[in-house]
Amino acid sequence: MGFSFRLKGVNVKIAIMSLDVQTVASRIRERLDRMDKKNATALCNELILFLYGADDAFPSAEGEKILQYLRNKRMFSQMQRVADALMQTGRATFTIHRQYAQSQIDQGNYTAALAILNQLIIETAKAENVNVKAAKENREAKGLLGRVYKQLYVNAQNNSVRREDFIRRAIDAYGAAYNAAPETALWHGINVVALVQRAKSDGIKDPVWPKDQELAASILAVIQQRYDNREATIWQFATACEACVALQKPEEAMHWLSGYLRMPDVDAFEIASMLRQMKEIWRLDMHSEMGQMILPLLQAELLKREGGSFTIDAGMLQEQAEMEAHISTAYAGITGKASDNKTMPKLEKIFGEDSFNTYRWYMTGANRCMAIARIGRDATKGLGTGFLVRGADLHESLGEELLLLTNAHVVSNNPGEKALQPDEAVVTFEVLDKGAAELRIAEILWSSPINLLDASVLRFDKESLAIVKTLTKDITFYPLAKRLPAIQADAPPEERIYIIGHPAGGTLQLSFQDNLLLDYEDPRIHYRTPTTGGSSGSPVFNQQWELIGLHHAGSEEMPRLHGKPGTYQANEGMWIQAIKNAITF
């Protein structure tokens, strides 16, 4: 079968070919596991075409799996489109309706999600007496209803009347699910605890609300018993962690969180959701013992998952970098020097060795943010990113002078680059400098055009250099990698690299982006996941946080390296040693 349409005066016929419905889910998962979003999306489009154009049966279980895989990698737009096609063609289940609502929530479409969830709750209630799955989906729908109102509460900020209504609705929705199955709906129960505590801290009180401390202790006791019996599930580890947060038991919270994050099935979606809960509802920050332990570990584990990029504000980065400096001087495992500080070994014991190593790894990454700058025409909006380097690391004649490295298409003397002229550029270090002084460039010491290395080495004027020296007196500069990670031919990419820069030239935030290293051919490095504008000129680090390159460009159709045919979705950076070798004076 097929259908026709006209494109620019040409008749086009698209054949709707038979789809191997038994393998499409596994094929989509295989591409998502490689973070090959382009081909995963192409497979989803093929599936959607099949669903709308063919009358063949499609197993609902396969549809549910596909939506789950897309959710795990946070591909909510594709998740919505596939779910919509399943629903419109009469192939949906209660689970698929719930997954469709989930995709709407995570795209911020709350009105649509509420309509779907309210109808789903009605329909599943009719069937739950004879259908165990319907009863489960009824609870899950109520939980998502609570999730919507919880987010609306966070978003409402100071509108007190509307906020009170939102949080009451959220507590009611989670409470209804928990009360219907208290031995099963434990995550619904812990959300009741979290929201009641949040409401109280915001001055919203109600005598009919459950006793949050007692409820948290009860939930924790149930999970502890299941753990002792070796029956605790992955998700109950996360719930137990939140119960310990409610009960102010940081060491126990880390025990449960470390166990949860070691589970292979915990993906970027789950970690991002837990991080959001800890920051938005529990309002953990780096000023509390609980926040100091939990937030960096969650952010570290999110970065280690494919698709686990995130944005963090400058204030938290400053606090984390200060903590990392404390750890670096206090813990012998980092500095190689003896230390009589007693807190770090205790901290390692609390975390467990694996989690503490992950924690230290992330804190080192936080420290890397200190020397990253936003570059623009003024201090309010950036056009690109730059980062500090010691002169001698680029050329021995430059000594200890601190220089700024960025793209030639960001700052250049060449009018053809359409870049800022040196005297136009305003440089701010929002993480390193809380006052965000506006620094100026005296000259370009060396530059390579966009069609070669796309790099400019900038010298600060005397006044700005003095400020930079003061700001950097306590930070450790990153080493330059001497070699790139090995890539195995004909094997899926495994090595991950990290870009840290100002997304879209924004203020008061930096974006950590995780990328799989795809290929390299001196001087070009290719890695997955295009970045947003404003990331031009960002440093690129390997998994040991050594500097490997200068971020240069991203494209949906980047030409492959080594003369390989075709294109792929990739970022491109310039190898730092190639830049170093090209610098002459």
Protein backbone atom coordinates (compact mmCIF):
# COMPACT_ATOMS: atom_id res chain seq x y z
CA MET A 1 0.00 0.00 0.00
CA GLY A 2 1.07 3.62 -0.26
CA PHE A 3 0.03 7.20 -0.59
CA SER A 4 1.07 10.14 -2.75
CA PHE A 5 1.67 13.84 -2.25
CA ARG A 6 3.19 16.70 -4.22
CA LEU A 7 6.51 18.30 -3.33
CA LYS A 8 7.58 21.31 -5.38
CA GLY A 9 5.54 20.19 -8.36
CA VAL A 10 6.70 16.57 -8.25
CA ASN A 11 4.46 13.63 -7.50
CA VAL A 12 5.97 11.60 -4.67
CA LYS A 13 4.79 8.16 -3.65
CA ILE A 14 5.75 6.77 -0.28
CA ALA A 15 5.33 3.05 0.18
CA ILE A 16 4.31 1.94 3.62
CA MET A 17 6.45 -1.13 3.97
CA SER A 18 5.81 -3.90 6.42
CA LEU A 19 7.52 -3.38 9.74
CA ASP A 20 9.14 -6.12 11.78
CA VAL A 21 7.05 -5.41 14.85
CA GLN A 22 8.88 -8.00 16.92
CA THR A 23 12.26 -6.27 16.60
CA VAL A 24 11.47 -2.57 16.31
CA ALA A 25 11.61 -2.02 20.09
CA SER A 26 15.00 -3.73 20.42
CA ARG A 27 16.33 -1.80 17.41
CA ILE A 28 15.25 1.50 18.91
CA ARG A 29 16.77 0.56 22.26
CA GLU A 30 20.06 -0.45 20.61
CA ARG A 31 20.34 2.99 18.97
CA LEU A 32 19.37 4.79 22.17
CA ASP A 33 21.97 2.83 24.13
CA ARG A 34 24.54 4.25 21.69
CA MET A 35 22.90 7.68 22.03
CA ASP A 36 22.38 7.59 18.27
CA LYS A 37 19.40 9.91 18.49
CA LYS A 38 19.25 10.62 14.78
CA ASN A 39 18.73 6.99 13.79
CA ALA A 40 16.52 6.31 16.82
CA THR A 41 14.31 9.16 15.66
CA ALA A 42 14.32 7.77 12.10
CA LEU A 43 13.11 4.41 13.44
CA CYS A 44 10.39 6.15 15.44
CA ASN A 45 9.28 7.98 12.30
CA GLU A 46 9.18 4.67 10.44
CA LEU A 47 7.05 3.19 13.21
CA ILE A 48 4.67 6.16 13.18
CA LEU A 49 4.29 5.85 9.41
CA PHE A 50 3.49 2.16 9.83
CA LEU A 51 0.95 2.78 12.59
CA TYR A 52 -0.99 5.36 10.58
CA GLY A 53 -0.76 3.56 7.26
CA ALA A 54 -1.22 -0.12 8.01
CA ASP A 55 -3.92 -2.21 9.67
CA ASP A 56 -1.47 -4.82 10.90
CA ALA A 57 -1.53 -5.71 14.56
CA PHE A 58 1.06 -4.10 16.76
CA PRO A 59 1.71 -5.63 20.22
CA SER A 60 0.89 -3.13 22.94
CA ALA A 61 3.78 -4.46 25.03
CA GLU A 62 6.19 -3.39 22.29
CA GLY A 63 4.70 0.09 22.26
CA GLU A 64 5.05 0.36 26.04
CA LYS A 65 8.71 -0.73 25.82
CA ILE A 66 9.52 1.83 23.13
CA LEU A 67 7.97 4.65 25.14
CA GLN A 68 9.90 3.53 28.22
CA TYR A 69 13.18 3.51 26.30
CA LEU A 70 12.52 7.02 24.96
CA ARG A 71 11.65 8.22 28.45
CA ASN A 72 14.86 6.79 29.90
CA LYS A 73 16.91 8.87 27.46
CA ARG A 74 14.69 11.95 28.02
CA MET A 75 13.50 12.06 24.40
CA PHE A 76 10.09 13.40 25.35
CA SER A 77 9.13 14.88 21.99
CA GLN A 78 9.60 11.55 20.23
CA MET A 79 7.88 9.80 23.12
CA GLN A 80 4.86 12.04 22.63
CA ARG A 81 4.69 11.47 18.87
CA VAL A 82 4.91 7.67 19.12
CA ALA A 83 2.33 7.56 21.94
CA ASP A 84 0.02 9.85 20.00
CA ALA A 85 0.19 7.54 16.96
CA LEU A 86 -0.56 4.49 19.12
CA MET A 87 -3.55 6.25 20.69
CA GLN A 88 -4.95 7.64 17.45
CA THR A 89 -4.81 4.25 15.74
CA GLY A 90 -6.55 2.36 18.55
CA ARG A 91 -3.43 0.53 19.75
CA ALA A 92 -3.12 2.18 23.16
CA THR A 93 -3.35 0.70 26.64
CA PHE A 94 -3.79 2.37 30.01
CA THR A 95 -0.01 2.34 30.30
CA ILE A 96 0.45 4.07 26.96
CA HIS A 97 -2.04 6.78 27.94
CA ARG A 98 -0.07 7.30 31.14
CA GLN A 99 3.22 7.41 29.22
CA TYR A 100 1.72 9.98 26.85
CA ALA A 101 0.82 12.13 29.84
CA GLN A 102 4.37 11.71 31.15
CA SER A 103 5.77 13.05 27.87
CA GLN A 104 3.50 16.08 28.14
CA ILE A 105 4.56 16.79 31.72
CA ASP A 106 8.26 16.73 30.92
CA GLN A 107 7.70 19.17 28.07
CA GLY A 108 5.78 21.53 30.34
CA ASN A 109 2.36 20.89 28.75
CA TYR A 110 0.52 20.65 32.07
CA THR A 111 -3.05 21.37 30.90
CA ALA A 112 -2.91 18.56 28.34
CA ALA A 113 -1.38 16.22 30.92
CA LEU A 114 -4.08 17.00 33.50
CA ALA A 115 -6.86 16.26 30.99
CA ILE A 116 -5.35 12.89 30.07
CA LEU A 117 -4.61 11.90 33.66
CA ASN A 118 -8.04 12.81 35.01
CA GLN A 119 -9.71 10.74 32.28
CA LEU A 120 -7.27 7.88 32.86
CA ILE A 121 -8.05 7.85 36.58
CA ILE A 122 -11.78 7.56 35.78
CA GLU A 123 -11.27 4.77 33.22
CA THR A 124 -8.87 2.72 35.34
CA ALA A 125 -11.17 3.03 38.37
CA LYS A 126 -13.93 1.36 36.39
CA ALA A 127 -11.69 -1.56 35.49
CA GLU A 128 -9.55 -1.94 38.61
CA ASN A 129 -11.86 -4.45 40.34
CA VAL A 130 -11.16 -7.02 37.64
CA ASN A 131 -7.81 -5.80 36.29
CA VAL A 132 -4.67 -5.70 38.42
CA LYS A 133 -2.81 -3.67 35.80
CA ALA A 134 -5.61 -1.10 35.75
CA ALA A 135 -5.31 -0.70 39.53
CA LYS A 136 -1.57 -0.13 39.17
CA GLU A 137 -2.08 2.42 36.41
CA ASN A 138 -4.70 4.16 38.54
CA ARG A 139 -2.07 4.68 41.25
CA GLU A 140 0.55 5.77 38.72
CA ALA A 141 -1.86 8.26 37.15
CA LYS A 142 -2.63 9.75 40.56
CA GLY A 143 1.10 10.00 41.19
CA LEU A 144 1.60 11.89 37.93
CA LEU A 145 -1.35 14.11 38.80
CA GLY A 146 0.50 14.93 42.00
CA ARG A 147 3.66 15.53 39.95
CA VAL A 148 1.85 18.12 37.79
CA TYR A 149 0.48 20.04 40.76
CA LYS A 150 3.83 19.78 42.53
CA GLN A 151 5.54 21.41 39.56
CA LEU A 152 2.82 24.04 39.26
CA TYR A 153 3.42 24.85 42.93
CA VAL A 154 7.14 25.31 42.31
CA ASN A 155 6.50 27.42 39.22
CA ALA A 156 3.89 29.64 40.90
CA GLN A 157 6.48 31.19 43.25
CA ASN A 158 4.87 34.04 45.19
CA ASN A 159 1.24 33.73 44.09
CA SER A 160 0.18 32.52 47.54
CA VAL A 161 -3.52 31.70 46.88
CA ARG A 162 -2.82 29.71 43.74
CA ARG A 163 0.22 28.05 45.30
CA GLU A 164 -1.78 26.79 48.26
CA ASP A 165 -4.33 25.24 45.93
CA PHE A 166 -1.60 23.55 43.89
CA ILE A 167 0.18 22.02 46.85
CA ARG A 168 -3.06 20.82 48.43
CA ARG A 169 -4.04 19.14 45.16
CA ALA A 170 -0.60 17.55 44.92
CA ILE A 171 -0.77 16.18 48.46
CA ASP A 172 -4.30 14.90 47.88
CA ALA A 173 -3.32 13.11 44.66
CA TYR A 174 -0.24 11.42 46.13
CA GLY A 175 -2.15 10.66 49.34
CA ALA A 176 -5.01 8.98 47.48
CA ALA A 177 -2.59 6.67 45.69
CA TYR A 178 -0.67 5.85 48.88
CA ASN A 179 -3.74 5.22 51.01
CA ALA A 180 -5.13 2.84 48.40
CA ALA A 181 -2.03 0.62 48.60
CA PRO A 182 0.33 1.69 51.43
CA GLU A 183 2.50 -1.41 51.09
CA THR A 184 2.99 -0.81 47.36
CA ALA A 185 2.73 2.92 46.66
CA LEU A 186 5.72 3.89 48.79
CA TRP A 187 7.02 6.55 46.41
CA HIS A 188 3.63 8.21 46.50
CA GLY A 189 3.84 8.21 50.28
CA ILE A 190 7.29 9.80 50.37
CA ASN A 191 6.02 12.53 48.07
CA VAL A 192 3.30 13.25 50.62
CA VAL A 193 6.04 13.60 53.24
CA ALA A 194 8.13 15.88 51.03
CA LEU A 195 5.22 18.14 50.13
CA VAL A 196 3.89 18.41 53.68
CA GLN A 197 7.35 19.41 54.89
CA ARG A 198 7.71 21.88 52.02
CA ALA A 199 4.26 23.37 52.75
CA LYS A 200 5.13 23.80 56.44
CA SER A 201 8.43 25.48 55.59
CA ASP A 202 6.49 27.88 53.33
CA GLY A 203 4.02 28.68 56.12
CA ILE A 204 1.14 26.61 54.75
CA LYS A 205 -0.43 24.50 57.48
CA ASP A 206 -3.40 22.16 57.69
CA PRO A 207 -4.36 20.00 60.69
CA VAL A 208 -5.72 17.23 58.44
CA TRP A 209 -2.43 16.60 56.73
CA PRO A 210 -0.65 13.40 57.77
CA LYS A 211 2.14 13.51 60.34
CA ASP A 212 5.10 13.68 58.02
CA GLN A 213 7.77 12.44 60.43
CA GLU A 214 5.72 9.42 61.43
CA LEU A 215 4.91 8.63 57.81
CA ALA A 216 8.58 8.90 56.78
CA ALA A 217 9.63 6.61 59.64
CA SER A 218 6.93 4.10 58.70
CA ILE A 219 7.98 4.04 55.03
CA LEU A 220 11.64 3.66 55.98
CA ALA A 221 10.81 0.77 58.33
CA VAL A 222 8.91 -1.07 55.57
CA ILE A 223 11.82 -0.71 53.14
CA GLN A 224 14.40 -1.64 55.76
CA GLN A 225 12.49 -4.86 56.45
CA ARG A 226 12.37 -5.64 52.74
CA TYR A 227 16.08 -4.88 52.44
CA ASP A 228 16.82 -7.24 55.33
CA ASN A 229 14.78 -9.89 53.53
CA ARG A 230 16.56 -9.09 50.24
CA GLU A 231 13.27 -8.00 48.70
CA ALA A 232 13.84 -4.24 48.32
CA THR A 233 13.48 -2.95 44.76
CA ILE A 234 15.67 -0.38 43.04
CA TRP A 235 13.08 2.35 43.45
CA GLN A 236 12.63 1.62 47.14
CA PHE A 237 16.29 2.52 47.65
CA ALA A 238 15.51 5.99 46.27
CA THR A 239 12.38 6.25 48.44
CA ALA A 240 14.37 5.26 51.54
CA CYS A 241 16.92 7.96 50.74
CA GLU A 242 14.16 10.59 50.73
CA ALA A 243 12.75 9.22 53.98
CA CYS A 244 16.18 9.72 55.56
CA VAL A 245 16.27 13.29 54.23
CA ALA A 246 12.92 13.89 55.93
CA LEU A 247 14.23 12.38 59.16
CA GLN A 248 17.53 14.32 58.97
CA LYS A 249 19.71 11.20 58.76
CA PRO A 250 22.40 12.17 56.23
CA GLU A 251 24.63 9.12 56.67
CA GLU A 252 21.72 6.73 56.21
CA ALA A 253 20.51 8.79 53.23
CA MET A 254 23.91 8.27 51.57
CA HIS A 255 23.76 4.53 52.26
CA TRP A 256 20.49 4.22 50.35
CA LEU A 257 21.46 6.70 47.62
CA SER A 258 24.79 5.00 46.92
CA GLY A 259 23.02 1.65 46.62
CA TYR A 260 20.41 3.13 44.30
CA LEU A 261 22.95 4.73 41.98
CA ARG A 262 24.92 1.50 41.64
CA MET A 263 21.93 -0.21 40.03
CA PRO A 264 22.41 -0.62 36.24
CA ASP A 265 18.74 0.08 35.48
CA VAL A 266 18.88 3.60 36.93
CA ASP A 267 19.00 5.86 33.88
CA ALA A 268 19.29 9.59 33.18
CA PHE A 269 15.54 10.13 33.57
CA GLU A 270 15.38 8.71 37.09
CA ILE A 271 18.48 10.58 38.29
CA ALA A 272 17.33 13.88 36.77
CA SER A 273 13.93 13.44 38.45
CA MET A 274 15.52 12.73 41.83
CA LEU A 275 17.87 15.70 41.47
CA ARG A 276 14.92 17.95 40.67
CA GLN A 277 13.06 16.65 43.74
CA MET A 278 16.03 17.27 46.01
CA LYS A 279 16.54 20.82 44.75
CA GLU A 280 12.99 22.01 44.14
CA ILE A 281 10.99 20.29 46.89
CA TRP A 282 13.50 19.43 49.61
CA ARG A 283 15.44 22.60 48.69
CA LEU A 284 18.81 21.07 49.43
CA ASP A 285 21.81 23.28 48.73
CA MET A 286 25.53 23.32 49.41
CA HIS A 287 25.05 25.07 52.76
CA SER A 288 23.72 21.94 54.45
CA GLU A 289 25.47 18.67 55.25
CA MET A 290 22.74 16.77 53.41
CA GLY A 291 23.03 18.92 50.29
CA GLN A 292 26.82 18.81 50.26
CA MET A 293 26.72 15.04 50.00
CA ILE A 294 23.62 14.34 47.93
CA LEU A 295 23.63 17.02 45.22
CA PRO A 296 27.17 16.54 43.85
CA LEU A 297 26.76 12.76 43.83
CA LEU A 298 23.47 12.97 41.89
CA GLN A 299 24.98 15.44 39.43
CA ALA A 300 28.05 13.26 39.00
CA GLU A 301 25.99 10.16 38.31
CA LEU A 302 23.79 12.10 35.90
CA LEU A 303 26.88 13.15 33.94
CA LYS A 304 28.06 9.54 33.82
CA ARG A 305 24.78 8.41 32.20
CA GLU A 306 24.35 8.85 28.48
CA GLY A 307 22.21 11.87 27.76
CA GLY A 308 22.79 13.15 31.29
CA SER A 309 23.72 16.77 30.60
CA PHE A 310 22.54 19.46 32.95
CA THR A 311 22.79 23.17 33.65
CA ILE A 312 23.81 24.55 37.01
CA ASP A 313 23.86 28.11 38.32
CA ALA A 314 27.06 29.96 39.09
CA GLY A 315 26.34 30.22 42.82
CA MET A 316 26.23 26.47 43.32
CA LEU A 317 29.32 26.00 41.16
CA GLN A 318 31.22 28.47 43.33
CA GLU A 319 30.24 26.55 46.44
CA GLN A 320 31.09 23.19 44.90
CA ALA A 321 34.45 24.40 43.63
CA GLU A 322 35.30 25.73 47.09
CA MET A 323 34.41 22.33 48.53
CA GLU A 324 36.54 20.58 45.93
CA ALA A 325 39.51 22.75 46.87
CA HIS A 326 38.95 21.72 50.50
CA ILE A 327 38.82 18.05 49.53
CA SER A 328 41.93 18.39 47.36
CA THR A 329 43.99 19.77 50.22
CA ALA A 330 42.49 17.53 52.88
CA TYR A 331 42.47 14.17 51.19
CA ALA A 332 45.74 12.39 50.44
CA GLY A 333 44.20 10.40 47.58
CA ILE A 334 43.98 13.56 45.49
CA THR A 335 47.05 15.57 46.50
CA GLY A 336 49.45 12.73 47.23
CA LYS A 337 50.34 14.53 50.45
CA ALA A 338 49.69 13.49 54.00
CA SER A 339 46.76 15.13 55.75
CA ASP A 340 45.67 15.19 59.35
CA ASN A 341 42.15 16.26 58.40
CA LYS A 342 39.71 13.73 59.87
CA THR A 343 36.61 14.57 57.83
CA MET A 344 37.53 13.12 54.44
CA PRO A 345 38.13 9.50 55.53
CA LYS A 346 34.84 9.73 57.42
CA LEU A 347 33.18 11.09 54.28
CA GLU A 348 34.59 8.21 52.23
CA LYS A 349 33.20 5.74 54.75
CA ILE A 350 29.76 7.36 54.56
CA PHE A 351 29.72 7.33 50.74
CA GLY A 352 31.38 4.00 50.14
CA GLU A 353 34.53 3.81 48.02
CA ASP A 354 32.88 3.82 44.58
CA SER A 355 30.48 6.67 45.35
CA PHE A 356 33.21 8.72 47.02
CA ASN A 357 35.46 8.35 43.99
CA THR A 358 32.56 9.51 41.82
CA TYR A 359 31.99 12.42 44.21
CA ARG A 360 35.64 13.47 44.04
CA TRP A 361 35.61 13.12 40.24
CA TYR A 362 32.63 15.45 39.94
CA MET A 363 34.07 17.97 42.38
CA THR A 364 37.21 18.12 40.24
CA GLY A 365 34.95 18.92 37.29
CA ALA A 366 33.28 21.66 39.33
CA ASN A 367 36.72 23.13 39.96
CA ARG A 368 37.34 23.21 36.19
CA CYS A 369 34.47 25.70 35.88
CA MET A 370 36.35 28.37 37.80
CA ALA A 371 38.47 29.45 34.84
CA ILE A 372 35.65 29.62 32.25
CA ALA A 373 34.47 33.00 31.00
CA ARG A 374 31.58 34.43 29.05
CA ILE A 375 32.51 36.73 26.16
CA GLY A 376 30.15 39.35 24.73
CA ARG A 377 29.74 42.98 23.81
CA ASP A 378 28.62 43.69 27.36
CA ALA A 379 28.24 41.84 30.66
CA THR A 380 24.56 41.01 30.20
CA LYS A 381 24.73 38.70 27.18
CA GLY A 382 27.39 36.41 25.83
CA LEU A 383 28.28 35.59 22.24
CA GLY A 384 30.67 32.84 23.16
CA THR A 385 32.82 31.20 25.81
CA GLY A 386 36.52 31.35 26.61
CA PHE A 387 38.80 29.84 29.23
CA LEU A 388 42.06 30.67 30.98
CA VAL A 389 45.31 28.94 30.14
CA ARG A 390 48.82 29.45 31.46
CA GLY A 391 50.96 30.95 28.72
CA ALA A 392 53.73 28.35 29.06
CA ASP A 393 51.19 25.58 28.45
CA LEU A 394 50.73 26.98 24.94
CA HIS A 395 54.23 28.33 24.19
CA GLU A 396 57.31 28.38 26.38
CA SER A 397 57.98 32.06 25.62
CA LEU A 398 54.71 33.11 27.27
CA GLY A 399 55.78 32.12 30.79
CA GLU A 400 53.24 32.29 33.62
CA GLU A 401 51.03 34.92 32.00
CA LEU A 402 47.33 34.05 32.13
CA LEU A 403 45.72 34.15 28.69
CA LEU A 404 42.23 33.54 27.34
CA LEU A 405 41.61 30.93 24.65
CA THR A 406 38.47 31.09 22.49
CA ASN A 407 37.35 30.64 18.87
CA ALA A 408 38.41 32.98 16.09
CA HIS A 409 34.75 33.23 15.16
CA VAL A 410 34.14 34.67 18.65
CA VAL A 411 37.05 37.18 18.80
CA SER A 412 39.21 38.07 15.79
CA ASN A 413 40.91 40.95 13.98
CA ASN A 414 39.76 39.50 10.68
CA PRO A 415 36.56 41.25 9.46
CA GLY A 416 35.70 38.15 7.46
CA GLU A 417 35.16 36.15 10.66
CA LYS A 418 32.16 38.31 11.68
CA ALA A 419 33.52 38.14 15.22
CA LEU A 420 34.06 40.63 18.02
CA GLN A 421 37.08 42.86 17.63
CA PRO A 422 39.42 42.64 20.65
CA ASP A 423 38.51 46.12 21.88
CA GLU A 424 34.78 45.21 21.71
CA ALA A 425 35.03 42.07 23.82
CA VAL A 426 33.82 42.14 27.45
CA VAL A 427 34.94 39.14 29.53
CA THR A 428 33.26 38.03 32.77
CA PHE A 429 34.05 35.10 35.09
CA GLU A 430 30.72 34.54 36.82
CA VAL A 431 31.84 31.46 38.73
CA LEU A 432 35.30 32.67 39.66
CA ASP A 433 34.23 36.25 40.37
CA LYS A 434 31.05 36.89 42.36
CA GLY A 435 31.29 40.57 41.46
CA ALA A 436 31.47 39.69 37.74
CA ALA A 437 34.02 42.41 36.90
CA GLU A 438 34.02 43.46 33.24
CA LEU A 439 37.46 42.56 31.94
CA ARG A 440 39.01 43.84 28.72
CA ILE A 441 41.30 42.44 26.04
CA ALA A 442 44.45 44.31 25.03
CA GLU A 443 45.37 42.30 21.96
CA ILE A 444 45.21 39.00 20.10
CA LEU A 445 48.57 37.28 20.52
CA TRP A 446 47.88 34.59 17.94
CA SER A 447 44.92 33.48 15.85
CA SER A 448 44.01 30.77 13.35
CA PRO A 449 41.00 31.33 11.03
CA ILE A 450 37.76 29.39 11.23
CA ASN A 451 38.65 27.16 8.27
CA LEU A 452 41.85 26.01 10.02
CA LEU A 453 41.95 25.80 13.86
CA ASP A 454 39.35 28.50 14.63
CA ALA A 455 41.30 29.65 17.67
CA SER A 456 42.37 32.97 19.19
CA VAL A 457 44.77 33.49 22.11
CA LEU A 458 43.86 36.74 23.88
CA ARG A 459 45.94 38.92 26.22
CA PHE A 460 44.20 40.93 28.93
CA ASP A 461 44.96 44.59 29.44
CA LYS A 462 47.10 45.35 32.51
CA GLU A 463 44.23 46.26 34.83
CA SER A 464 42.19 43.20 33.87
CA LEU A 465 45.21 40.90 34.17
CA ALA A 466 45.81 42.10 37.71
CA ILE A 467 42.19 41.23 38.58
CA VAL A 468 42.54 37.79 36.95
CA LYS A 469 45.71 37.06 38.95
CA THR A 470 43.92 37.90 42.18
CA LEU A 471 40.90 35.81 41.28
CA THR A 472 42.97 32.76 40.36
CA LYS A 473 45.46 32.74 43.23
CA ASP A 474 43.77 29.73 44.89
CA ILE A 475 42.73 27.64 41.88
CA THR A 476 44.53 24.76 40.21
CA PHE A 477 44.77 24.91 36.44
CA TYR A 478 43.84 21.88 34.40
CA PRO A 479 46.55 19.83 32.73
CA LEU A 480 46.64 19.56 28.95
CA ALA A 481 46.11 15.99 27.74
CA LYS A 482 49.14 14.61 25.90
CA ARG A 483 47.11 12.13 23.90
CA LEU A 484 43.53 11.39 22.93
CA PRO A 485 41.68 8.30 24.19
CA ALA A 486 41.95 5.17 22.09
CA ILE A 487 39.03 4.37 19.80
CA GLN A 488 38.33 0.79 18.77
CA ALA A 489 37.45 0.41 15.12
CA ASP A 490 33.98 -0.97 14.35
CA ALA A 491 33.01 -0.83 18.03
CA PRO A 492 30.35 1.39 19.63
CA PRO A 493 31.85 4.54 21.20
CA GLU A 494 32.50 4.24 24.92
CA GLU A 495 34.80 7.12 25.87
CA ARG A 496 32.93 10.13 27.20
CA ILE A 497 34.13 13.71 27.08
CA TYR A 498 32.71 16.88 28.63
CA ILE A 499 32.05 20.40 27.43
CA ILE A 500 31.62 23.16 30.01
CA GLY A 501 30.37 26.50 28.72
CA HIS A 502 27.73 29.21 28.76
CA PRO A 503 24.69 27.84 26.88
CA ALA A 504 23.15 30.37 24.51
CA GLY A 505 25.42 33.07 25.97
CA GLY A 506 23.35 32.95 29.15
CA THR A 507 24.13 34.47 32.50
CA LEU A 508 24.52 32.87 35.92
CA GLN A 509 24.65 29.35 34.59
CA LEU A 510 27.03 26.90 33.02
CA SER A 511 26.19 23.78 31.08
CA PHE A 512 27.88 20.43 31.61
CA GLN A 513 27.32 18.36 28.48
CA ASP A 514 28.28 14.72 28.20
CA ASN A 515 29.32 13.46 24.81
CA LEU A 516 30.58 10.19 23.44
CA LEU A 517 33.86 10.49 21.58
CA LEU A 518 33.09 9.45 18.00
CA ASP A 519 36.33 9.91 16.08
CA TYR A 520 39.34 12.17 15.64
CA GLU A 521 41.75 13.10 12.90
CA ASP A 522 44.33 15.72 13.81
CA PRO A 523 43.34 18.49 14.43
CA ARG A 524 39.62 17.66 14.58
CA ILE A 525 37.81 15.80 17.35
CA HIS A 526 34.23 14.61 16.84
CA TYR A 527 31.85 13.89 19.66
CA ARG A 528 28.12 13.37 19.91
CA THR A 529 25.31 15.80 20.79
CA PRO A 530 25.30 19.29 19.26
CA THR A 531 25.53 22.12 21.79
CA THR A 532 23.54 25.34 21.84
CA GLY A 533 24.83 28.66 20.57
CA GLY A 534 27.15 30.38 23.04
CA SER A 535 29.10 27.19 23.72
CA SER A 536 31.58 28.18 21.00
CA GLY A 537 35.00 28.52 22.60
CA SER A 538 34.25 26.14 25.47
CA PRO A 539 36.93 23.82 26.83
CA VAL A 540 36.57 20.11 26.07
CA PHE A 541 37.76 17.67 28.74
CA ASN A 542 38.39 13.94 28.81
CA GLN A 543 37.09 11.68 31.58
CA GLN A 544 40.07 12.58 33.75
CA TRP A 545 39.23 16.29 33.39
CA GLU A 546 42.32 16.95 31.28
CA LEU A 547 41.93 19.59 28.56
CA ILE A 548 41.77 17.94 25.16
CA GLY A 549 40.27 20.58 22.93
CA LEU A 550 38.56 23.83 22.04
CA HIS A 551 34.88 23.44 21.11
CA HIS A 552 34.34 24.78 17.63
CA ALA A 553 31.01 23.80 16.03
CA GLY A 554 28.15 21.35 15.95
CA SER A 555 26.06 20.02 13.08
CA GLU A 556 23.30 17.57 12.36
CA GLU A 557 25.22 16.59 9.22
CA MET A 558 28.91 16.74 10.10
CA PRO A 559 31.18 15.17 7.40
CA ARG A 560 32.89 12.07 8.74
CA LEU A 561 36.65 11.98 9.27
CA HIS A 562 39.35 9.81 7.64
CA GLY A 563 37.62 10.10 4.26
CA LYS A 564 34.69 7.98 5.43
CA PRO A 565 31.55 8.53 3.34
CA GLY A 566 28.46 10.27 4.64
CA THR A 567 27.67 12.53 7.56
CA TYR A 568 26.54 12.17 11.15
CA GLN A 569 25.23 14.22 14.06
CA ALA A 570 28.31 15.51 15.85
CA ASN A 571 30.15 18.28 17.62
CA GLU A 572 33.59 19.30 16.49
CA GLY A 573 36.48 20.50 18.61
CA MET A 574 40.09 21.37 17.84
CA TRP A 575 42.78 19.19 19.47
CA ILE A 576 44.64 21.31 22.04
CA GLN A 577 48.02 19.88 21.08
CA ALA A 578 47.39 20.87 17.45
CA ILE A 579 46.71 24.44 18.59
CA LYS A 580 49.83 24.39 20.78
CA ASN A 581 51.99 23.08 17.92
CA ALA A 582 50.68 25.75 15.53
CA ILE A 583 51.47 28.72 17.78
CA THR A 584 54.56 30.59 16.62
CA PHE A 585 55.99 34.00 17.51
